[in-house]
Amino acid sequence: MSNFLVFYSRKRQEAPRVERVDDSDEAVRRLLDAERKLAGDPLHGVVLLVAEDEADLRRTHSHYFSSVEELVRQAAG
């Protein structure tokens, strides 16, 4: 399993940036640093996720990679 930092736009105005971090301790350090930098930014966020690979990450956490329109379509069923 790999660690991934996903930097995303809360309003889905830009594609998320994904960074793979193989060392778990380093991934947590980078997450905490990113959270400090984004603390006053209401438009952007960061999460640390674990997945087999990036394709699996995009499938299991697709809401970070979907547009607002796609999310509305998914919710409507």
PDB file of N, CA and C in Angstrom:
ATOM      1  N   MET A   1       0.846  -1.182   0.000  1.00  0.00           N
ATOM      2  CA  MET A   1       0.000   0.000   0.000  1.00  0.00           C
ATOM      3  C   MET A   1       0.888   1.241   0.000  1.00  0.00           C
ATOM      4  N   SER A   2       0.380   2.284  -0.609  1.00  0.00           N
ATOM      5  CA  SER A   2       1.118   3.545  -0.708  1.00  0.00           C
ATOM      6  C   SER A   2       0.302   4.678  -0.096  1.00  0.00           C
ATOM      7  N   ASN A   3       1.015   5.693   0.335  1.00  0.00           N
ATOM      8  CA  ASN A   3       0.400   6.900   0.881  1.00  0.00           C
ATOM      9  C   ASN A   3       0.306   7.933  -0.233  1.00  0.00           C
ATOM     10  N   PHE A   4      -0.811   8.641  -0.264  1.00  0.00           N
ATOM     11  CA  PHE A   4      -1.013   9.683  -1.269  1.00  0.00           C
ATOM     12  C   PHE A   4      -1.536  10.936  -0.590  1.00  0.00           C
ATOM     13  N   LEU A   5      -0.885  12.050  -0.866  1.00  0.00           N
ATOM     14  CA  LEU A   5      -1.415  13.344  -0.474  1.00  0.00           C
ATOM     15  C   LEU A   5      -2.218  13.860  -1.644  1.00  0.00           C
ATOM     16  N   VAL A   6      -3.449  14.249  -1.397  1.00  0.00           N
ATOM     17  CA  VAL A   6      -4.316  14.782  -2.445  1.00  0.00           C
ATOM     18  C   VAL A   6      -4.638  16.229  -2.075  1.00  0.00           C
ATOM     19  N   PHE A   7      -4.164  17.147  -2.905  1.00  0.00           N
ATOM     20  CA  PHE A   7      -4.434  18.574  -2.740  1.00  0.00           C
ATOM     21  C   PHE A   7      -5.587  18.903  -3.669  1.00  0.00           C
ATOM     22  N   TYR A   8      -6.675  19.429  -3.128  1.00  0.00           N
ATOM     23  CA  TYR A   8      -7.870  19.608  -3.938  1.00  0.00           C
ATOM     24  C   TYR A   8      -8.493  20.983  -3.739  1.00  0.00           C
ATOM     25  N   SER A   9      -9.300  21.362  -4.715  1.00  0.00           N
ATOM     26  CA  SER A   9     -10.071  22.599  -4.673  1.00  0.00           C
ATOM     27  C   SER A   9     -11.462  22.260  -4.150  1.00  0.00           C
ATOM     28  N   ARG A  10     -11.894  22.922  -3.088  1.00  0.00           N
ATOM     29  CA  ARG A  10     -13.210  22.639  -2.515  1.00  0.00           C
ATOM     30  C   ARG A  10     -14.343  22.969  -3.496  1.00  0.00           C
ATOM     31  N   LYS A  11     -14.112  23.914  -4.396  1.00  0.00           N
ATOM     32  CA  LYS A  11     -15.139  24.281  -5.379  1.00  0.00           C
ATOM     33  C   LYS A  11     -14.916  23.581  -6.715  1.00  0.00           C
ATOM     34  N   ARG A  12     -13.959  22.656  -6.744  1.00  0.00           N
ATOM     35  CA  ARG A  12     -13.674  21.856  -7.939  1.00  0.00           C
ATOM     36  C   ARG A  12     -13.293  22.729  -9.137  1.00  0.00           C
ATOM     37  N   GLN A  13     -12.578  23.826  -8.882  1.00  0.00           N
ATOM     38  CA  GLN A  13     -12.189  24.733  -9.958  1.00  0.00           C
ATOM     39  C   GLN A  13     -10.907  24.294 -10.654  1.00  0.00           C
ATOM     40  N   GLU A  14     -10.212  23.362 -10.080  1.00  0.00           N
ATOM     41  CA  GLU A  14      -8.976  22.867 -10.678  1.00  0.00           C
ATOM     42  C   GLU A  14      -8.825  21.396 -10.341  1.00  0.00           C
ATOM     43  N   ALA A  15      -8.075  20.705 -11.156  1.00  0.00           N
ATOM     44  CA  ALA A  15      -7.864  19.273 -10.926  1.00  0.00           C
ATOM     45  C   ALA A  15      -7.001  19.085  -9.679  1.00  0.00           C
ATOM     46  N   PRO A  16      -7.279  18.049  -8.898  1.00  0.00           N
ATOM     47  CA  PRO A  16      -6.464  17.803  -7.711  1.00  0.00           C
ATOM     48  C   PRO A  16      -5.040  17.401  -8.086  1.00  0.00           C
ATOM     49  N   ARG A  17      -4.113  17.714  -7.200  1.00  0.00           N
ATOM     50  CA  ARG A  17      -2.721  17.303  -7.372  1.00  0.00           C
ATOM     51  C   ARG A  17      -2.474  16.135  -6.427  1.00  0.00           C
ATOM     52  N   VAL A  18      -1.906  15.075  -6.941  1.00  0.00           N
ATOM     53  CA  VAL A  18      -1.659  13.869  -6.152  1.00  0.00           C
ATOM     54  C   VAL A  18      -0.154  13.672  -6.017  1.00  0.00           C
ATOM     55  N   GLU A  19       0.292  13.461  -4.785  1.00  0.00           N
ATOM     56  CA  GLU A  19       1.695  13.183  -4.520  1.00  0.00           C
ATOM     57  C   GLU A  19       1.800  11.854  -3.788  1.00  0.00           C
ATOM     58  N   ARG A  20       2.544  10.938  -4.362  1.00  0.00           N
ATOM     59  CA  ARG A  20       2.780   9.641  -3.717  1.00  0.00           C
ATOM     60  C   ARG A  20       3.956   9.791  -2.758  1.00  0.00           C
ATOM     61  N   VAL A  21       3.786   9.298  -1.547  1.00  0.00           N
ATOM     62  CA  VAL A  21       4.840   9.347  -0.530  1.00  0.00           C
ATOM     63  C   VAL A  21       4.977   7.939   0.038  1.00  0.00           C
ATOM     64  N   ASP A  22       6.090   7.305  -0.220  1.00  0.00           N
ATOM     65  CA  ASP A  22       6.235   5.903   0.172  1.00  0.00           C
ATOM     66  C   ASP A  22       6.431   5.703   1.674  1.00  0.00           C
ATOM     67  N   ASP A  23       7.093   6.627   2.334  1.00  0.00           N
ATOM     68  CA  ASP A  23       7.348   6.495   3.767  1.00  0.00           C
ATOM     69  C   ASP A  23       6.181   7.089   4.559  1.00  0.00           C
ATOM     70  N   SER A  24       5.565   6.301   5.418  1.00  0.00           N
ATOM     71  CA  SER A  24       4.381   6.743   6.181  1.00  0.00           C
ATOM     72  C   SER A  24       4.679   7.929   7.093  1.00  0.00           C
ATOM     73  N   ASP A  25       5.816   7.896   7.778  1.00  0.00           N
ATOM     74  CA  ASP A  25       6.162   9.014   8.660  1.00  0.00           C
ATOM     75  C   ASP A  25       6.357  10.304   7.862  1.00  0.00           C
ATOM     76  N   GLU A  26       7.014  10.194   6.729  1.00  0.00           N
ATOM     77  CA  GLU A  26       7.211  11.364   5.869  1.00  0.00           C
ATOM     78  C   GLU A  26       5.871  11.877   5.346  1.00  0.00           C
ATOM     79  N   ALA A  27       4.968  10.963   5.011  1.00  0.00           N
ATOM     80  CA  ALA A  27       3.647  11.362   4.521  1.00  0.00           C
ATOM     81  C   ALA A  27       2.899  12.166   5.578  1.00  0.00           C
ATOM     82  N   VAL A  28       2.969  11.739   6.829  1.00  0.00           N
ATOM     83  CA  VAL A  28       2.296  12.466   7.910  1.00  0.00           C
ATOM     84  C   VAL A  28       2.938  13.832   8.111  1.00  0.00           C
ATOM     85  N   ARG A  29       4.270  13.892   8.078  1.00  0.00           N
ATOM     86  CA  ARG A  29       4.960  15.184   8.220  1.00  0.00           C
ATOM     87  C   ARG A  29       4.536  16.144   7.116  1.00  0.00           C
ATOM     88  N   ARG A  30       4.486  15.641   5.889  1.00  0.00           N
ATOM     89  CA  ARG A  30       4.098  16.497   4.761  1.00  0.00           C
ATOM     90  C   ARG A  30       2.641  16.919   4.856  1.00  0.00           C
ATOM     91  N   LEU A  31       1.777  16.035   5.350  1.00  0.00           N
ATOM     92  CA  LEU A  31       0.368  16.389   5.550  1.00  0.00           C
ATOM     93  C   LEU A  31       0.250  17.521   6.563  1.00  0.00           C
ATOM     94  N   LEU A  32       0.913  17.386   7.690  1.00  0.00           N
ATOM     95  CA  LEU A  32       0.825  18.415   8.729  1.00  0.00           C
ATOM     96  C   LEU A  32       1.379  19.749   8.229  1.00  0.00           C
ATOM     97  N   ASP A  33       2.458  19.711   7.471  1.00  0.00           N
ATOM     98  CA  ASP A  33       3.016  20.935   6.901  1.00  0.00           C
ATOM     99  C   ASP A  33       2.026  21.572   5.928  1.00  0.00           C
ATOM    100  N   ALA A  34       1.420  20.765   5.066  1.00  0.00           N
ATOM    101  CA  ALA A  34       0.437  21.279   4.104  1.00  0.00           C
ATOM    102  C   ALA A  34      -0.785  21.841   4.816  1.00  0.00           C
ATOM    103  N   GLU A  35      -1.243  21.168   5.864  1.00  0.00           N
ATOM    104  CA  GLU A  35      -2.406  21.662   6.616  1.00  0.00           C
ATOM    105  C   GLU A  35      -2.111  23.014   7.250  1.00  0.00           C
ATOM    106  N   ARG A  36      -0.894  23.193   7.778  1.00  0.00           N
ATOM    107  CA  ARG A  36      -0.512  24.498   8.348  1.00  0.00           C
ATOM    108  C   ARG A  36      -0.540  25.578   7.275  1.00  0.00           C
ATOM    109  N   LYS A  37      -0.014  25.255   6.099  1.00  0.00           N
ATOM    110  CA  LYS A  37       0.032  26.232   5.009  1.00  0.00           C
ATOM    111  C   LYS A  37      -1.362  26.581   4.499  1.00  0.00           C
ATOM    112  N   LEU A  38      -2.283  25.635   4.543  1.00  0.00           N
ATOM    113  CA  LEU A  38      -3.639  25.846   4.025  1.00  0.00           C
ATOM    114  C   LEU A  38      -4.635  26.271   5.112  1.00  0.00           C
ATOM    115  N   ALA A  39      -4.174  26.467   6.323  1.00  0.00           N
ATOM    116  CA  ALA A  39      -5.064  26.730   7.457  1.00  0.00           C
ATOM    117  C   ALA A  39      -6.030  27.887   7.223  1.00  0.00           C
ATOM    118  N   GLY A  40      -5.616  28.937   6.572  1.00  0.00           N
ATOM    119  CA  GLY A  40      -6.493  30.080   6.349  1.00  0.00           C
ATOM    120  C   GLY A  40      -7.126  30.110   4.975  1.00  0.00           C
ATOM    121  N   ASP A  41      -7.003  29.028   4.239  1.00  0.00           N
ATOM    122  CA  ASP A  41      -7.497  28.980   2.856  1.00  0.00           C
ATOM    123  C   ASP A  41      -8.801  28.176   2.790  1.00  0.00           C
ATOM    124  N   PRO A  42      -9.950  28.851   2.672  1.00  0.00           N
ATOM    125  CA  PRO A  42     -11.222  28.120   2.639  1.00  0.00           C
ATOM    126  C   PRO A  42     -11.499  27.417   1.304  1.00  0.00           C
ATOM    127  N   LEU A  43     -10.684  27.678   0.286  1.00  0.00           N
ATOM    128  CA  LEU A  43     -10.945  27.124  -1.043  1.00  0.00           C
ATOM    129  C   LEU A  43     -10.163  25.851  -1.357  1.00  0.00           C
ATOM    130  N   HIS A  44      -9.158  25.534  -0.543  1.00  0.00           N
ATOM    131  CA  HIS A  44      -8.311  24.383  -0.837  1.00  0.00           C
ATOM    132  C   HIS A  44      -8.164  23.493   0.387  1.00  0.00           C
ATOM    133  N   GLY A  45      -7.937  22.212   0.124  1.00  0.00           N
ATOM    134  CA  GLY A  45      -7.747  21.261   1.205  1.00  0.00           C
ATOM    135  C   GLY A  45      -6.735  20.201   0.817  1.00  0.00           C
ATOM    136  N   VAL A  46      -6.360  19.408   1.798  1.00  0.00           N
ATOM    137  CA  VAL A  46      -5.430  18.308   1.573  1.00  0.00           C
ATOM    138  C   VAL A  46      -5.865  17.133   2.440  1.00  0.00           C
ATOM    139  N   VAL A  47      -5.733  15.937   1.913  1.00  0.00           N
ATOM    140  CA  VAL A  47      -6.001  14.713   2.670  1.00  0.00           C
ATOM    141  C   VAL A  47      -4.869  13.734   2.420  1.00  0.00           C
ATOM    142  N   LEU A  48      -4.676  12.849   3.369  1.00  0.00           N
ATOM    143  CA  LEU A  48      -3.719  11.759   3.234  1.00  0.00           C
ATOM    144  C   LEU A  48      -4.532  10.475   3.118  1.00  0.00           C
ATOM    145  N   LEU A  49      -4.347   9.769   2.017  1.00  0.00           N
ATOM    146  CA  LEU A  49      -5.100   8.545   1.758  1.00  0.00           C
ATOM    147  C   LEU A  49      -4.134   7.405   1.473  1.00  0.00           C
ATOM    148  N   VAL A  50      -4.577   6.190   1.702  1.00  0.00           N
ATOM    149  CA  VAL A  50      -3.771   5.007   1.452  1.00  0.00           C
ATOM    150  C   VAL A  50      -4.480   4.154   0.419  1.00  0.00           C
ATOM    151  N   ALA A  51      -3.726   3.714  -0.576  1.00  0.00           N
ATOM    152  CA  ALA A  51      -4.298   2.873  -1.633  1.00  0.00           C
ATOM    153  C   ALA A  51      -3.189   2.025  -2.241  1.00  0.00           C
ATOM    154  N   GLU A  52      -3.585   1.034  -2.981  1.00  0.00           N
ATOM    155  CA  GLU A  52      -2.619   0.168  -3.663  1.00  0.00           C
ATOM    156  C   GLU A  52      -1.810   0.954  -4.695  1.00  0.00           C
ATOM    157  N   ASP A  53      -2.512   1.756  -5.480  1.00  0.00           N
ATOM    158  CA  ASP A  53      -1.864   2.596  -6.484  1.00  0.00           C
ATOM    159  C   ASP A  53      -2.787   3.768  -6.791  1.00  0.00           C
ATOM    160  N   GLU A  54      -2.333   4.678  -7.661  1.00  0.00           N
ATOM    161  CA  GLU A  54      -3.135   5.869  -7.937  1.00  0.00           C
ATOM    162  C   GLU A  54      -4.451   5.541  -8.638  1.00  0.00           C
ATOM    163  N   ALA A  55      -4.458   4.544  -9.479  1.00  0.00           N
ATOM    164  CA  ALA A  55      -5.707   4.152 -10.152  1.00  0.00           C
ATOM    165  C   ALA A  55      -6.737   3.685  -9.123  1.00  0.00           C
ATOM    166  N   ASP A  56      -6.293   2.915  -8.148  1.00  0.00           N
ATOM    167  CA  ASP A  56      -7.182   2.462  -7.074  1.00  0.00           C
ATOM    168  C   ASP A  56      -7.674   3.656  -6.252  1.00  0.00           C
ATOM    169  N   LEU A  57      -6.787   4.574  -5.967  1.00  0.00           N
ATOM    170  CA  LEU A  57      -7.145   5.790  -5.234  1.00  0.00           C
ATOM    171  C   LEU A  57      -8.233   6.572  -5.970  1.00  0.00           C
ATOM    172  N   ARG A  58      -8.071   6.746  -7.255  1.00  0.00           N
ATOM    173  CA  ARG A  58      -9.049   7.499  -8.048  1.00  0.00           C
ATOM    174  C   ARG A  58     -10.389   6.787  -8.100  1.00  0.00           C
ATOM    175  N   ARG A  59     -10.375   5.462  -8.032  1.00  0.00           N
ATOM    176  CA  ARG A  59     -11.630   4.704  -8.049  1.00  0.00           C
ATOM    177  C   ARG A  59     -12.321   4.747  -6.681  1.00  0.00           C
ATOM    178  N   THR A  60     -11.571   4.530  -5.604  1.00  0.00           N
ATOM    179  CA  THR A  60     -12.173   4.441  -4.277  1.00  0.00           C
ATOM    180  C   THR A  60     -12.502   5.803  -3.666  1.00  0.00           C
ATOM    181  N   HIS A  61     -11.845   6.854  -4.128  1.00  0.00           N
ATOM    182  CA  HIS A  61     -12.071   8.208  -3.607  1.00  0.00           C
ATOM    183  C   HIS A  61     -12.380   9.163  -4.753  1.00  0.00           C
ATOM    184  N   SER A  62     -13.259   8.720  -5.626  1.00  0.00           N
ATOM    185  CA  SER A  62     -13.545   9.469  -6.858  1.00  0.00           C
ATOM    186  C   SER A  62     -14.106  10.859  -6.597  1.00  0.00           C
ATOM    187  N   HIS A  63     -14.712  11.086  -5.435  1.00  0.00           N
ATOM    188  CA  HIS A  63     -15.293  12.405  -5.162  1.00  0.00           C
ATOM    189  C   HIS A  63     -14.231  13.507  -5.167  1.00  0.00           C
ATOM    190  N   TYR A  64     -12.974  13.178  -4.897  1.00  0.00           N
ATOM    191  CA  TYR A  64     -11.912  14.190  -4.968  1.00  0.00           C
ATOM    192  C   TYR A  64     -11.553  14.529  -6.416  1.00  0.00           C
ATOM    193  N   PHE A  65     -11.902  13.660  -7.332  1.00  0.00           N
ATOM    194  CA  PHE A  65     -11.500  13.812  -8.728  1.00  0.00           C
ATOM    195  C   PHE A  65     -12.668  14.139  -9.649  1.00  0.00           C
ATOM    196  N   SER A  66     -13.862  14.249  -9.108  1.00  0.00           N
ATOM    197  CA  SER A  66     -15.073  14.504  -9.898  1.00  0.00           C
ATOM    198  C   SER A  66     -15.415  15.984  -9.900  1.00  0.00           C
ATOM    199  N   SER A  67     -16.023  16.414 -10.983  1.00  0.00           N
ATOM    200  CA  SER A  67     -16.507  17.794 -11.051  1.00  0.00           C
ATOM    201  C   SER A  67     -17.806  17.899 -10.247  1.00  0.00           C
ATOM    202  N   VAL A  68     -18.237  19.115  -9.992  1.00  0.00           N
ATOM    203  CA  VAL A  68     -19.502  19.333  -9.276  1.00  0.00           C
ATOM    204  C   VAL A  68     -20.645  18.676 -10.047  1.00  0.00           C
ATOM    205  N   GLU A  69     -20.637  18.819 -11.366  1.00  0.00           N
ATOM    206  CA  GLU A  69     -21.706  18.235 -12.190  1.00  0.00           C
ATOM    207  C   GLU A  69     -21.729  16.714 -12.060  1.00  0.00           C
ATOM    208  N   GLU A  70     -20.565  16.090 -12.050  1.00  0.00           N
ATOM    209  CA  GLU A  70     -20.505  14.639 -11.903  1.00  0.00           C
ATOM    210  C   GLU A  70     -21.005  14.201 -10.534  1.00  0.00           C
ATOM    211  N   LEU A  71     -20.660  14.945  -9.497  1.00  0.00           N
ATOM    212  CA  LEU A  71     -21.131  14.609  -8.158  1.00  0.00           C
ATOM    213  C   LEU A  71     -22.656  14.717  -8.051  1.00  0.00           C
ATOM    214  N   VAL A  72     -23.237  15.739  -8.678  1.00  0.00           N
ATOM    215  CA  VAL A  72     -24.693  15.905  -8.663  1.00  0.00           C
ATOM    216  C   VAL A  72     -25.352  14.744  -9.393  1.00  0.00           C
ATOM    217  N   ARG A  73     -24.800  14.350 -10.542  1.00  0.00           N
ATOM    218  CA  ARG A  73     -25.340  13.207 -11.285  1.00  0.00           C
ATOM    219  C   ARG A  73     -25.267  11.926 -10.468  1.00  0.00           C
ATOM    220  N   GLN A  74     -24.156  11.716  -9.775  1.00  0.00           N
ATOM    221  CA  GLN A  74     -23.998  10.517  -8.948  1.00  0.00           C
ATOM    222  C   GLN A  74     -25.010  10.513  -7.799  1.00  0.00           C
ATOM    223  N   ALA A  75     -25.241  11.663  -7.197  1.00  0.00           N
ATOM    224  CA  ALA A  75     -26.189  11.761  -6.074  1.00  0.00           C
ATOM    225  C   ALA A  75     -27.621  11.525  -6.531  1.00  0.00           C
ATOM    226  N   ALA A  76     -27.934  11.944  -7.758  1.00  0.00           N
ATOM    227  CA  ALA A  76     -29.290  11.790  -8.286  1.00  0.00           C
ATOM    228  C   ALA A  76     -29.581  10.331  -8.640  1.00  0.00           C
ATOM    229  N   GLY A  77     -28.521   9.560  -8.810  1.00  0.00           N
ATOM    230  CA  GLY A  77     -28.701   8.140  -9.081  1.00  0.00           C
ATOM    231  C   GLY A  77     -28.905   7.873 -10.500  1.00  0.00           C
TER     232      GLY A  77
END
